[in-house]
N, C-alpha and C. Protein backbone atom coordinates (compact mmCIF):
# COMPACT_ATOMS: atom_id res chain seq x y z
N MET A 1 -3.08 -5.94 1.12
CA MET A 1 -4.07 -6.97 1.25
C MET A 1 -4.65 -7.28 -0.12
N ILE A 2 -4.98 -8.54 -0.32
CA ILE A 2 -5.60 -8.98 -1.57
C ILE A 2 -7.05 -9.38 -1.27
N TRP A 3 -7.98 -8.75 -1.97
CA TRP A 3 -9.39 -9.09 -1.88
C TRP A 3 -9.73 -9.91 -3.12
N ILE A 4 -10.47 -10.99 -2.93
CA ILE A 4 -10.85 -11.84 -4.06
C ILE A 4 -12.37 -11.87 -4.16
N HIS A 5 -12.86 -11.51 -5.33
CA HIS A 5 -14.30 -11.49 -5.59
C HIS A 5 -14.87 -12.89 -5.39
N ALA A 6 -16.03 -12.96 -4.74
CA ALA A 6 -16.70 -14.25 -4.56
C ALA A 6 -16.97 -14.87 -5.93
N GLY A 7 -16.60 -16.11 -6.09
CA GLY A 7 -16.80 -16.80 -7.37
C GLY A 7 -15.67 -16.60 -8.36
N ALA A 8 -14.60 -15.92 -7.96
CA ALA A 8 -13.49 -15.67 -8.88
C ALA A 8 -12.64 -16.90 -9.10
N GLY A 9 -12.66 -17.82 -8.17
CA GLY A 9 -11.82 -19.00 -8.26
C GLY A 9 -11.08 -19.21 -6.96
N ASN A 10 -10.17 -20.15 -6.98
CA ASN A 10 -9.45 -20.55 -5.78
C ASN A 10 -7.97 -20.18 -5.90
N LEU A 11 -7.49 -19.38 -4.99
CA LEU A 11 -6.11 -18.92 -5.00
C LEU A 11 -5.13 -20.10 -4.98
N GLN A 12 -5.46 -21.16 -4.28
CA GLN A 12 -4.56 -22.30 -4.15
C GLN A 12 -4.38 -23.08 -5.45
N THR A 13 -5.26 -22.90 -6.42
CA THR A 13 -5.12 -23.63 -7.68
C THR A 13 -4.36 -22.83 -8.74
N LEU A 14 -3.92 -21.63 -8.39
CA LEU A 14 -3.05 -20.88 -9.29
C LEU A 14 -1.66 -21.49 -9.25
N THR A 15 -0.94 -21.41 -10.34
CA THR A 15 0.44 -21.90 -10.34
C THR A 15 1.26 -21.03 -9.38
N HIS A 16 2.39 -21.55 -8.96
CA HIS A 16 3.26 -20.78 -8.07
C HIS A 16 3.71 -19.47 -8.72
N GLU A 17 3.99 -19.52 -10.02
CA GLU A 17 4.40 -18.31 -10.74
C GLU A 17 3.28 -17.27 -10.75
N THR A 18 2.06 -17.74 -10.95
CA THR A 18 0.92 -16.82 -10.99
C THR A 18 0.66 -16.23 -9.61
N GLN A 19 0.79 -17.04 -8.57
CA GLN A 19 0.65 -16.53 -7.21
C GLN A 19 1.71 -15.46 -6.94
N GLU A 20 2.93 -15.69 -7.40
CA GLU A 20 4.00 -14.69 -7.21
C GLU A 20 3.67 -13.41 -7.97
N GLY A 21 3.14 -13.54 -9.18
CA GLY A 21 2.73 -12.36 -9.95
C GLY A 21 1.67 -11.57 -9.23
N MET A 22 0.76 -12.27 -8.57
CA MET A 22 -0.28 -11.58 -7.81
C MET A 22 0.33 -10.85 -6.61
N ARG A 23 1.29 -11.48 -5.94
CA ARG A 23 1.96 -10.82 -4.80
C ARG A 23 2.71 -9.57 -5.26
N VAL A 24 3.38 -9.66 -6.39
CA VAL A 24 4.10 -8.50 -6.94
C VAL A 24 3.11 -7.38 -7.27
N THR A 25 1.98 -7.75 -7.87
CA THR A 25 0.96 -6.77 -8.21
C THR A 25 0.39 -6.12 -6.96
N GLU A 26 0.13 -6.91 -5.94
CA GLU A 26 -0.40 -6.39 -4.67
C GLU A 26 0.56 -5.39 -4.04
N LYS A 27 1.84 -5.71 -4.05
CA LYS A 27 2.85 -4.81 -3.48
C LYS A 27 2.91 -3.50 -4.27
N MET A 28 2.82 -3.59 -5.59
CA MET A 28 2.86 -2.39 -6.41
C MET A 28 1.64 -1.51 -6.13
N TYR A 29 0.46 -2.11 -5.99
CA TYR A 29 -0.74 -1.33 -5.66
C TYR A 29 -0.54 -0.60 -4.34
N LYS A 30 -0.01 -1.32 -3.36
CA LYS A 30 0.17 -0.74 -2.03
C LYS A 30 1.22 0.37 -2.07
N ASP A 31 2.35 0.12 -2.71
CA ASP A 31 3.44 1.10 -2.75
C ASP A 31 3.07 2.35 -3.56
N LEU A 32 2.48 2.13 -4.71
CA LEU A 32 2.22 3.23 -5.64
C LEU A 32 0.93 3.99 -5.33
N PHE A 33 -0.11 3.27 -4.92
CA PHE A 33 -1.42 3.90 -4.77
C PHE A 33 -1.99 3.85 -3.35
N LYS A 34 -1.32 3.11 -2.46
CA LYS A 34 -1.84 2.96 -1.08
C LYS A 34 -3.23 2.32 -1.08
N GLU A 35 -3.42 1.37 -2.00
CA GLU A 35 -4.70 0.69 -2.13
C GLU A 35 -4.51 -0.82 -2.06
N ASP A 36 -5.56 -1.52 -1.65
CA ASP A 36 -5.57 -2.97 -1.67
C ASP A 36 -5.83 -3.44 -3.10
N LEU A 37 -5.38 -4.65 -3.41
CA LEU A 37 -5.61 -5.27 -4.71
C LEU A 37 -6.95 -6.00 -4.68
N PHE A 38 -7.76 -5.82 -5.72
CA PHE A 38 -9.03 -6.52 -5.82
C PHE A 38 -9.01 -7.40 -7.06
N VAL A 39 -9.02 -8.72 -6.85
CA VAL A 39 -8.99 -9.70 -7.93
C VAL A 39 -10.42 -10.03 -8.32
N THR A 40 -10.73 -9.87 -9.60
CA THR A 40 -12.09 -10.10 -10.07
C THR A 40 -12.28 -11.48 -10.67
N HIS A 41 -11.24 -12.05 -11.29
CA HIS A 41 -11.34 -13.38 -11.90
C HIS A 41 -10.01 -14.11 -11.78
N MET A 42 -10.12 -15.40 -11.58
CA MET A 42 -8.97 -16.30 -11.69
C MET A 42 -9.41 -17.40 -12.65
N GLN A 43 -9.51 -18.64 -12.17
CA GLN A 43 -9.86 -19.72 -13.10
C GLN A 43 -11.37 -19.94 -13.25
N ALA A 44 -12.17 -19.46 -12.34
CA ALA A 44 -13.61 -19.67 -12.42
C ALA A 44 -14.23 -18.81 -13.52
N GLY A 45 -15.35 -19.24 -14.01
CA GLY A 45 -16.08 -18.45 -15.00
C GLY A 45 -15.82 -18.93 -16.42
N ILE A 46 -16.40 -18.20 -17.35
CA ILE A 46 -16.27 -18.52 -18.77
C ILE A 46 -15.20 -17.60 -19.36
N HIS A 47 -14.26 -18.20 -20.04
CA HIS A 47 -13.16 -17.44 -20.64
C HIS A 47 -13.03 -17.83 -22.11
N GLY A 48 -12.43 -16.96 -22.88
CA GLY A 48 -12.30 -17.18 -24.31
C GLY A 48 -11.32 -18.30 -24.66
N ASP A 49 -11.38 -18.72 -25.93
CA ASP A 49 -10.45 -19.73 -26.43
C ASP A 49 -9.02 -19.25 -26.23
N GLY A 50 -8.17 -20.14 -25.79
CA GLY A 50 -6.77 -19.80 -25.58
C GLY A 50 -6.49 -19.12 -24.25
N SER A 51 -7.52 -18.96 -23.43
CA SER A 51 -7.34 -18.31 -22.14
C SER A 51 -6.47 -19.15 -21.22
N PHE A 52 -5.66 -18.49 -20.43
CA PHE A 52 -4.83 -19.16 -19.43
C PHE A 52 -5.53 -19.27 -18.08
N HIS A 53 -6.71 -18.66 -17.96
CA HIS A 53 -7.46 -18.71 -16.70
C HIS A 53 -7.74 -20.14 -16.22
N PRO A 54 -8.28 -21.03 -17.09
CA PRO A 54 -8.63 -22.37 -16.60
C PRO A 54 -7.43 -23.17 -16.08
N PHE A 55 -6.23 -22.76 -16.44
CA PHE A 55 -5.02 -23.49 -16.06
C PHE A 55 -4.32 -22.87 -14.86
N GLY A 56 -4.96 -21.89 -14.23
CA GLY A 56 -4.36 -21.25 -13.06
C GLY A 56 -3.19 -20.36 -13.39
N ARG A 57 -3.16 -19.86 -14.64
CA ARG A 57 -2.03 -19.03 -15.07
C ARG A 57 -2.44 -17.61 -15.41
N ALA A 58 -3.62 -17.19 -14.97
CA ALA A 58 -4.06 -15.82 -15.25
C ALA A 58 -5.01 -15.33 -14.15
N PHE A 59 -5.00 -14.02 -13.98
CA PHE A 59 -5.95 -13.38 -13.06
C PHE A 59 -6.26 -11.99 -13.58
N ASP A 60 -7.42 -11.49 -13.19
CA ASP A 60 -7.86 -10.15 -13.57
C ASP A 60 -7.99 -9.32 -12.30
N VAL A 61 -7.63 -8.05 -12.40
CA VAL A 61 -7.73 -7.15 -11.26
C VAL A 61 -8.39 -5.84 -11.69
N ARG A 62 -8.99 -5.18 -10.71
CA ARG A 62 -9.55 -3.84 -10.95
C ARG A 62 -8.41 -2.84 -11.06
N TYR A 63 -8.66 -1.80 -11.80
CA TYR A 63 -7.73 -0.68 -11.82
C TYR A 63 -7.74 -0.02 -10.44
N PRO A 64 -6.61 0.53 -10.02
CA PRO A 64 -6.62 1.29 -8.76
C PRO A 64 -7.52 2.50 -8.91
N LYS A 65 -8.27 2.83 -7.87
CA LYS A 65 -9.14 4.00 -7.91
C LYS A 65 -8.36 5.26 -8.24
N ALA A 66 -7.15 5.37 -7.69
CA ALA A 66 -6.32 6.56 -7.92
C ALA A 66 -5.97 6.74 -9.39
N ALA A 67 -5.87 5.64 -10.14
CA ALA A 67 -5.48 5.73 -11.55
C ALA A 67 -6.54 6.43 -12.39
N PHE A 68 -7.78 6.46 -11.90
CA PHE A 68 -8.85 7.13 -12.64
C PHE A 68 -8.92 8.62 -12.33
N LYS A 69 -8.16 9.06 -11.35
CA LYS A 69 -8.20 10.47 -10.96
C LYS A 69 -7.34 11.34 -11.85
N SER A 70 -6.35 10.74 -12.51
CA SER A 70 -5.53 11.54 -13.42
C SER A 70 -4.92 10.64 -14.48
N SER A 71 -4.79 11.17 -15.68
CA SER A 71 -4.20 10.41 -16.77
C SER A 71 -2.72 10.13 -16.48
N THR A 72 -2.07 11.02 -15.73
CA THR A 72 -0.66 10.80 -15.37
C THR A 72 -0.51 9.56 -14.50
N LEU A 73 -1.40 9.39 -13.51
CA LEU A 73 -1.35 8.20 -12.66
C LEU A 73 -1.67 6.93 -13.43
N LEU A 74 -2.59 7.02 -14.40
CA LEU A 74 -2.93 5.86 -15.20
C LEU A 74 -1.73 5.44 -16.04
N VAL A 75 -1.04 6.38 -16.63
CA VAL A 75 0.17 6.08 -17.42
C VAL A 75 1.24 5.47 -16.52
N GLU A 76 1.41 6.03 -15.33
CA GLU A 76 2.40 5.50 -14.38
C GLU A 76 2.03 4.08 -13.95
N PHE A 77 0.76 3.84 -13.72
CA PHE A 77 0.30 2.51 -13.35
C PHE A 77 0.64 1.50 -14.43
N LYS A 78 0.31 1.80 -15.67
CA LYS A 78 0.59 0.88 -16.78
C LYS A 78 2.09 0.63 -16.92
N LYS A 79 2.87 1.68 -16.79
CA LYS A 79 4.32 1.55 -16.87
C LYS A 79 4.86 0.63 -15.77
N GLU A 80 4.36 0.82 -14.55
CA GLU A 80 4.81 0.01 -13.42
C GLU A 80 4.39 -1.45 -13.57
N MET A 81 3.18 -1.69 -14.07
CA MET A 81 2.73 -3.07 -14.28
C MET A 81 3.68 -3.78 -15.24
N ARG A 82 4.01 -3.14 -16.33
CA ARG A 82 4.92 -3.75 -17.31
C ARG A 82 6.31 -3.94 -16.71
N LYS A 83 6.80 -2.93 -16.03
CA LYS A 83 8.14 -2.98 -15.44
C LYS A 83 8.28 -4.11 -14.43
N LYS A 84 7.27 -4.30 -13.60
CA LYS A 84 7.34 -5.29 -12.52
C LYS A 84 7.04 -6.71 -13.00
N LEU A 85 6.14 -6.87 -13.97
CA LEU A 85 5.67 -8.20 -14.32
C LEU A 85 6.25 -8.79 -15.59
N LYS A 86 6.55 -7.97 -16.58
CA LYS A 86 7.11 -8.49 -17.85
C LYS A 86 8.37 -9.31 -17.61
N PRO A 87 9.33 -8.84 -16.80
CA PRO A 87 10.55 -9.63 -16.58
C PRO A 87 10.29 -10.99 -15.91
N LEU A 88 9.15 -11.14 -15.27
CA LEU A 88 8.81 -12.40 -14.60
C LEU A 88 8.07 -13.36 -15.55
N GLY A 89 7.84 -12.93 -16.79
CA GLY A 89 7.19 -13.79 -17.78
C GLY A 89 5.70 -13.56 -17.94
N PHE A 90 5.21 -12.40 -17.53
CA PHE A 90 3.78 -12.11 -17.61
C PHE A 90 3.46 -11.21 -18.79
N ASP A 91 2.31 -11.48 -19.39
CA ASP A 91 1.70 -10.57 -20.35
C ASP A 91 0.62 -9.80 -19.61
N ILE A 92 0.50 -8.51 -19.92
CA ILE A 92 -0.49 -7.67 -19.27
C ILE A 92 -1.36 -7.04 -20.36
N VAL A 93 -2.67 -7.18 -20.22
CA VAL A 93 -3.61 -6.59 -21.18
C VAL A 93 -4.52 -5.64 -20.42
N PHE A 94 -4.53 -4.38 -20.86
CA PHE A 94 -5.34 -3.36 -20.20
C PHE A 94 -6.68 -3.24 -20.91
N HIS A 95 -7.73 -3.73 -20.27
CA HIS A 95 -9.09 -3.62 -20.80
C HIS A 95 -9.74 -2.39 -20.17
N ASP A 96 -10.94 -2.07 -20.63
CA ASP A 96 -11.65 -0.91 -20.08
C ASP A 96 -11.92 -1.05 -18.59
N GLY A 97 -12.41 -2.19 -18.16
CA GLY A 97 -12.83 -2.34 -16.77
C GLY A 97 -11.86 -3.07 -15.86
N HIS A 98 -10.85 -3.70 -16.44
CA HIS A 98 -9.93 -4.48 -15.62
C HIS A 98 -8.60 -4.67 -16.32
N VAL A 99 -7.65 -5.22 -15.58
CA VAL A 99 -6.34 -5.56 -16.13
C VAL A 99 -6.22 -7.08 -16.10
N HIS A 100 -5.87 -7.65 -17.23
CA HIS A 100 -5.67 -9.10 -17.36
C HIS A 100 -4.17 -9.37 -17.25
N VAL A 101 -3.81 -10.28 -16.36
CA VAL A 101 -2.40 -10.64 -16.13
C VAL A 101 -2.28 -12.14 -16.32
N GLU A 102 -1.40 -12.57 -17.25
CA GLU A 102 -1.23 -14.01 -17.47
C GLU A 102 0.23 -14.39 -17.52
N TYR A 103 0.50 -15.53 -16.92
CA TYR A 103 1.86 -16.05 -16.94
C TYR A 103 2.08 -16.78 -18.24
N ASP A 104 2.95 -16.22 -19.10
CA ASP A 104 3.18 -16.75 -20.44
C ASP A 104 4.64 -16.49 -20.83
N PRO A 105 5.58 -17.20 -20.17
CA PRO A 105 6.99 -16.95 -20.49
C PRO A 105 7.30 -17.31 -21.93
N LYS A 106 8.11 -16.52 -22.54
CA LYS A 106 8.47 -16.75 -23.95
C LYS A 106 9.76 -17.54 -24.03
């Protein structure tokens, strides 16, 4: 299941590629951690220069709770995010409080 924070934006205004990236991320959370995905930001809000958020090409998610229980799980989480999303054209940035995922094919 995907939970979307109130005020995060509208799922329907994300590009099809970004929606697919979110589905892939949700499946990985469920398979690896048995947790729901919580989206904190999409296009709504204030974003920095060059951000893909206003164009429906980026979303932010919370880290899985399980990833904070052990450094091994956190490393596995980061590895899986890159493995699942990089081939689809996504850049992943791991911040302290969230993970930024943007569709940016090279």
